[in-house]
Amino acid sequence: MPVKRSIFRLAMAAVLVIGLSSAVSAQTLDEAARQAARQHDAKVLSAHTVEEGKKRVHVIKILTSKGVVKTVRVTVRDR
């Protein structure tokens, strides 16, 4: 368990750092990652933002309490 907890802490730290660069958007990467984790009863494994045409999308990889890895995509809202 300590290894899983350490990985989670590192992932959350990365989400916070990456989320700071998205502060200009209406929904930060950090907010999207926390929401995805809550909605799916999961832990965040990784998170980043990509450009898809004219829109930005947060891509969040999570690990559910049942051990399933899922990818959640959240379109960034414009202000």
Protein backbone atom coordinates (compact mmCIF):
# COMPACT_ATOMS: atom_id res chain seq x y z
CA MET A 1 0.00 0.00 0.00
CA PRO A 2 2.73 2.59 0.75
CA VAL A 3 3.92 2.41 -2.88
CA LYS A 4 0.39 3.05 -4.21
CA ARG A 5 0.00 5.98 -1.82
CA SER A 6 3.33 7.45 -2.97
CA ILE A 7 2.37 7.11 -6.63
CA PHE A 8 -0.95 8.80 -5.93
CA ARG A 9 0.77 11.69 -4.13
CA LEU A 10 3.19 12.14 -7.02
CA ALA A 11 0.33 12.09 -9.53
CA MET A 12 -1.63 14.66 -7.54
CA ALA A 13 1.45 16.88 -7.29
CA ALA A 14 1.84 16.67 -11.07
CA VAL A 15 -1.84 17.54 -11.51
CA LEU A 16 -1.40 20.60 -9.30
CA VAL A 17 1.65 21.78 -11.22
CA ILE A 18 0.03 21.20 -14.60
CA GLY A 19 -3.21 22.72 -13.34
CA LEU A 20 -1.46 25.98 -12.57
CA SER A 21 -0.59 26.41 -16.24
CA SER A 22 -4.28 26.02 -17.11
CA ALA A 23 -5.41 28.73 -14.70
CA VAL A 24 -6.54 30.95 -17.59
CA SER A 25 -9.27 28.47 -18.50
CA ALA A 26 -12.66 28.44 -16.81
CA GLN A 27 -12.03 24.92 -15.49
CA THR A 28 -8.48 24.12 -14.51
CA LEU A 29 -6.88 20.75 -15.02
CA ASP A 30 -6.75 20.34 -11.25
CA GLU A 31 -10.50 20.96 -10.93
CA ALA A 32 -11.27 18.53 -13.75
CA ALA A 33 -9.02 15.84 -12.22
CA ARG A 34 -10.62 16.19 -8.78
CA GLN A 35 -14.11 16.05 -10.30
CA ALA A 36 -13.29 12.93 -12.34
CA ALA A 37 -11.84 11.21 -9.27
CA ARG A 38 -14.95 12.03 -7.20
CA GLN A 39 -17.43 11.01 -9.89
CA HIS A 40 -15.76 7.66 -10.52
CA ASP A 41 -14.62 6.91 -6.94
CA ALA A 42 -11.08 6.76 -8.32
CA LYS A 43 -7.50 7.93 -7.96
CA VAL A 44 -5.82 10.14 -10.54
CA LEU A 45 -2.91 8.45 -12.32
CA SER A 46 -2.07 11.24 -14.77
CA ALA A 47 -3.56 14.37 -16.29
CA HIS A 48 -2.67 16.71 -19.13
CA THR A 49 -4.32 19.13 -21.55
CA VAL A 50 -4.30 18.75 -25.34
CA GLU A 51 -5.41 20.94 -28.24
CA GLU A 52 -8.01 19.36 -30.54
CA GLY A 53 -8.69 21.73 -33.38
CA LYS A 54 -9.94 24.94 -31.81
CA LYS A 55 -10.72 23.46 -28.39
CA ARG A 56 -8.68 22.32 -25.42
CA VAL A 57 -9.39 19.01 -23.70
CA HIS A 58 -8.18 17.79 -20.30
CA VAL A 59 -7.23 14.10 -20.54
CA ILE A 60 -7.30 12.43 -17.13
CA LYS A 61 -6.29 8.83 -16.50
CA ILE A 62 -7.85 7.36 -13.34
CA LEU A 63 -7.79 4.08 -11.40
CA THR A 64 -11.20 3.07 -10.04
CA SER A 65 -11.73 1.41 -6.67
CA LYS A 66 -12.38 -1.81 -8.62
CA GLY A 67 -8.91 -1.66 -10.19
CA VAL A 68 -10.02 -0.51 -13.64
CA VAL A 69 -7.98 2.16 -15.46
CA LYS A 70 -10.15 4.66 -17.35
CA THR A 71 -9.45 7.78 -19.38
CA VAL A 72 -11.78 10.73 -18.85
CA ARG A 73 -11.86 13.59 -21.36
CA VAL A 74 -13.17 17.00 -20.27
CA THR A 75 -13.59 19.81 -22.80
CA VAL A 76 -12.30 23.09 -21.34
CA ARG A 77 -15.07 25.65 -21.01
CA ASP A 78 -14.48 29.11 -22.44
CA ARG A 79 -14.86 32.06 -20.09
